N, C-alpha and C. Protein backbone atom coordinates (compact mmCIF):
# COMPACT_ATOMS: atom_id res chain seq x y z
N GLU A 1 -99.16 12.70 -69.21
CA GLU A 1 -99.13 11.89 -67.70
C GLU A 1 -99.75 10.49 -68.36
N ALA A 2 -99.92 9.51 -68.24
CA ALA A 2 -101.33 8.36 -68.42
C ALA A 2 -101.55 7.48 -67.44
N PHE A 3 -102.78 7.66 -67.21
CA PHE A 3 -103.60 7.22 -66.20
C PHE A 3 -103.67 5.61 -65.91
N VAL A 4 -103.55 5.39 -66.95
CA VAL A 4 -103.32 3.11 -66.25
C VAL A 4 -103.18 2.68 -65.36
N GLY A 5 -104.38 1.81 -64.97
CA GLY A 5 -104.55 1.18 -64.03
C GLY A 5 -105.28 1.51 -63.70
N GLN A 6 -105.65 0.62 -61.75
CA GLN A 6 -106.76 0.75 -61.01
C GLN A 6 -106.91 1.47 -59.96
N TYR A 7 -108.09 2.36 -60.38
CA TYR A 7 -108.63 3.27 -59.42
C TYR A 7 -109.55 2.93 -58.89
N SER A 8 -110.22 3.67 -57.38
CA SER A 8 -111.56 3.15 -56.65
C SER A 8 -112.32 4.33 -56.79
N VAL A 9 -113.57 4.08 -56.92
CA VAL A 9 -114.29 5.57 -56.54
C VAL A 9 -114.62 6.05 -55.46
N THR A 10 -114.35 7.00 -55.93
CA THR A 10 -114.70 7.71 -54.21
C THR A 10 -115.96 9.13 -54.01
N ALA A 11 -117.00 9.04 -55.29
CA ALA A 11 -118.05 9.69 -55.65
C ALA A 11 -119.32 8.64 -54.72
N SER A 12 -119.80 9.77 -54.72
CA SER A 12 -121.34 8.30 -53.77
C SER A 12 -121.53 8.07 -54.67
N LEU A 13 -122.07 8.21 -56.08
CA LEU A 13 -122.79 7.85 -57.37
C LEU A 13 -122.06 8.19 -58.51
N LEU A 14 -121.35 7.26 -59.30
CA LEU A 14 -120.53 8.26 -60.28
C LEU A 14 -120.98 8.00 -61.67
N ASN A 15 -121.58 9.15 -62.93
CA ASN A 15 -122.08 8.42 -64.00
C ASN A 15 -120.89 8.07 -64.48
N CYS A 16 -120.74 7.28 -65.16
CA CYS A 16 -119.46 7.24 -66.77
C CYS A 16 -120.58 7.51 -68.15
N ARG A 17 -120.02 7.84 -68.57
CA ARG A 17 -120.01 8.63 -69.79
C ARG A 17 -120.28 8.14 -71.10
N TYR A 18 -120.65 8.14 -72.28
CA TYR A 18 -120.62 8.12 -73.63
C TYR A 18 -119.29 8.63 -74.16
N LYS A 19 -118.60 9.63 -73.73
CA LYS A 19 -117.87 10.44 -74.46
C LYS A 19 -117.53 11.20 -73.45
N PRO A 20 -116.48 11.88 -73.39
CA PRO A 20 -116.03 12.46 -71.97
C PRO A 20 -116.51 14.26 -72.34
N GLY A 21 -115.96 15.01 -70.64
CA GLY A 21 -116.76 16.32 -70.54
C GLY A 21 -118.41 16.46 -71.28
N ALA A 22 -118.87 15.58 -71.72
CA ALA A 22 -120.59 15.80 -71.96
C ALA A 22 -121.56 15.72 -70.32
N LEU A 23 -121.94 16.64 -69.94
CA LEU A 23 -122.59 16.43 -68.92
C LEU A 23 -124.02 16.09 -68.50
N THR A 24 -124.37 16.70 -69.71
CA THR A 24 -125.63 16.00 -69.91
C THR A 24 -126.34 14.34 -69.16
N GLU A 25 -127.96 14.68 -68.49
CA GLU A 25 -128.14 13.07 -68.31
C GLU A 25 -127.94 12.11 -69.93
N SER A 26 -128.49 12.66 -70.87
CA SER A 26 -128.76 11.63 -71.64
C SER A 26 -127.52 11.48 -72.09
N ASN A 27 -126.11 11.97 -71.93
CA ASN A 27 -124.58 11.39 -71.54
C ASN A 27 -124.04 10.30 -70.91
N VAL A 28 -125.29 9.83 -69.91
CA VAL A 28 -125.03 8.60 -68.83
C VAL A 28 -125.39 7.65 -69.80
N LYS A 29 -124.05 6.70 -69.35
CA LYS A 29 -123.93 5.59 -70.11
C LYS A 29 -124.66 4.24 -68.77
N PHE A 30 -123.54 4.48 -67.78
CA PHE A 30 -124.16 3.72 -66.62
C PHE A 30 -123.26 4.48 -65.34
N LYS A 31 -123.67 4.04 -63.88
CA LYS A 31 -123.43 4.17 -63.09
C LYS A 31 -122.44 3.25 -61.78
N ILE A 32 -121.85 4.09 -61.03
CA ILE A 32 -120.59 3.32 -60.53
C ILE A 32 -120.76 3.42 -58.55
N LYS A 33 -120.91 2.82 -58.30
CA LYS A 33 -121.72 2.90 -56.48
C LYS A 33 -119.77 2.97 -56.21
N ASN A 34 -120.13 3.84 -55.00
CA ASN A 34 -118.85 4.24 -54.06
C ASN A 34 -118.25 2.98 -53.86
N GLY A 35 -117.01 3.31 -53.73
CA GLY A 35 -115.68 1.94 -53.30
C GLY A 35 -115.50 1.22 -54.33
N SER A 36 -116.13 1.05 -55.47
CA SER A 36 -116.00 0.33 -56.90
C SER A 36 -114.84 0.44 -57.44
N VAL A 37 -113.59 -0.49 -58.23
CA VAL A 37 -112.86 -0.68 -58.72
C VAL A 37 -113.10 -0.77 -60.04
N VAL A 38 -112.41 -0.06 -60.57
CA VAL A 38 -112.27 0.49 -61.91
C VAL A 38 -110.90 0.39 -62.79
N THR A 39 -111.05 -0.60 -64.29
CA THR A 39 -109.35 -0.20 -64.66
C THR A 39 -109.88 0.95 -65.74
N CYS A 40 -108.69 1.47 -65.44
CA CYS A 40 -108.24 2.53 -66.01
C CYS A 40 -107.09 2.47 -67.65
N HIS A 41 -107.97 2.99 -68.56
CA HIS A 41 -106.93 2.33 -70.37
C HIS A 41 -106.56 3.31 -70.25
N GLY A 42 -106.88 4.90 -70.30
CA GLY A 42 -106.26 5.93 -71.61
C GLY A 42 -107.15 7.74 -70.76
N TYR A 43 -106.06 8.29 -71.41
CA TYR A 43 -107.35 9.22 -70.71
C TYR A 43 -107.54 10.43 -71.58
N TYR A 44 -107.90 11.40 -71.86
CA TYR A 44 -108.96 12.37 -72.24
C TYR A 44 -108.16 14.15 -71.17
N THR A 45 -108.31 15.09 -71.82
CA THR A 45 -108.59 16.32 -71.11
C THR A 45 -109.27 17.02 -71.69
N ASN A 46 -110.33 17.39 -71.27
CA ASN A 46 -111.56 18.21 -72.07
C ASN A 46 -112.38 18.91 -70.37
N VAL A 47 -113.18 20.03 -71.55
CA VAL A 47 -114.06 21.14 -70.46
C VAL A 47 -112.93 21.41 -69.34
N GLY A 48 -112.35 22.96 -70.01
CA GLY A 48 -111.37 23.20 -68.97
C GLY A 48 -110.36 22.28 -68.81
N MET A 49 -109.85 22.60 -67.14
CA MET A 49 -108.61 21.66 -66.49
C MET A 49 -109.17 20.58 -66.34
N SER A 50 -110.66 19.97 -66.45
CA SER A 50 -111.19 18.48 -66.25
C SER A 50 -110.70 17.62 -66.71
N THR A 51 -110.07 16.53 -66.39
CA THR A 51 -109.14 15.12 -66.64
C THR A 51 -110.16 14.13 -66.63
N TRP A 52 -110.33 13.55 -67.58
CA TRP A 52 -111.54 12.40 -68.30
C TRP A 52 -110.54 11.10 -68.80
N LEU A 53 -111.40 9.82 -68.17
CA LEU A 53 -110.09 9.29 -68.03
C LEU A 53 -111.25 7.88 -68.62
N LEU A 54 -110.97 7.07 -69.74
CA LEU A 54 -111.66 6.45 -70.10
C LEU A 54 -111.66 4.95 -69.30
N ILE A 55 -112.47 4.18 -68.83
CA ILE A 55 -112.28 3.02 -67.90
C ILE A 55 -112.99 1.93 -68.20
N GLU A 56 -112.85 0.91 -67.72
CA GLU A 56 -114.16 -0.81 -67.59
C GLU A 56 -114.07 -0.38 -66.56
N TYR A 57 -115.45 -1.05 -66.27
CA TYR A 57 -115.94 -1.50 -64.93
C TYR A 57 -116.89 -2.12 -65.51
N ASP A 58 -117.20 -3.38 -64.61
CA ASP A 58 -118.21 -4.90 -65.37
C ASP A 58 -118.57 -5.04 -66.89
N GLY A 59 -117.32 -5.22 -67.41
CA GLY A 59 -117.50 -5.55 -68.75
C GLY A 59 -117.58 -4.44 -69.63
N GLN A 60 -118.17 -3.63 -69.33
CA GLN A 60 -118.49 -2.04 -70.33
C GLN A 60 -117.04 -1.56 -70.10
N THR A 61 -117.32 -0.28 -71.13
CA THR A 61 -116.58 1.22 -71.25
C THR A 61 -116.66 2.20 -70.95
N GLY A 62 -116.33 3.30 -70.58
CA GLY A 62 -116.82 4.85 -70.82
C GLY A 62 -116.28 5.68 -70.22
N TYR A 63 -116.26 6.84 -70.01
CA TYR A 63 -115.33 7.62 -69.72
C TYR A 63 -116.14 8.59 -68.25
N VAL A 64 -114.37 9.39 -67.21
CA VAL A 64 -115.56 9.57 -66.23
C VAL A 64 -114.55 10.65 -65.57
N SER A 65 -114.76 11.52 -64.91
CA SER A 65 -113.89 12.68 -64.24
C SER A 65 -112.89 12.15 -63.52
N LYS A 66 -111.40 12.47 -64.06
CA LYS A 66 -110.53 11.55 -62.84
C LYS A 66 -110.94 12.47 -61.26
N ASN A 67 -111.22 13.48 -61.10
CA ASN A 67 -111.53 14.41 -59.55
C ASN A 67 -112.13 12.73 -58.85
N TYR A 68 -113.38 12.27 -59.47
CA TYR A 68 -114.21 10.98 -58.49
C TYR A 68 -113.56 9.49 -58.52
N LEU A 69 -112.10 9.72 -58.73
CA LEU A 69 -111.62 8.44 -58.80
C LEU A 69 -110.16 8.37 -57.73
N GLY A 70 -109.81 7.37 -56.99
CA GLY A 70 -108.80 7.45 -56.04
C GLY A 70 -107.73 6.20 -56.60
N LYS A 71 -106.41 6.40 -56.64
CA LYS A 71 -105.73 5.47 -57.50
C LYS A 71 -105.55 4.52 -55.99
N GLN A 72 -105.43 3.21 -56.41
CA GLN A 72 -105.36 1.90 -56.22
C GLN A 72 -104.23 1.56 -55.58
């Protein structure tokens, strides 16, 4: 299943990462505030059962866990 489309951030502050699954602080590319709308271009499954989505926000791209996004 592809997750292409618009999503809203449900976390209070979501870390967008350089690569999927890497949970270290050095992998944080930028942060997105709660309620922000992001565009999803595809997905990666990584780190056990977590689904990581490739998103675009404010001209930047990165990876976030689908657990912190709600479908628009």
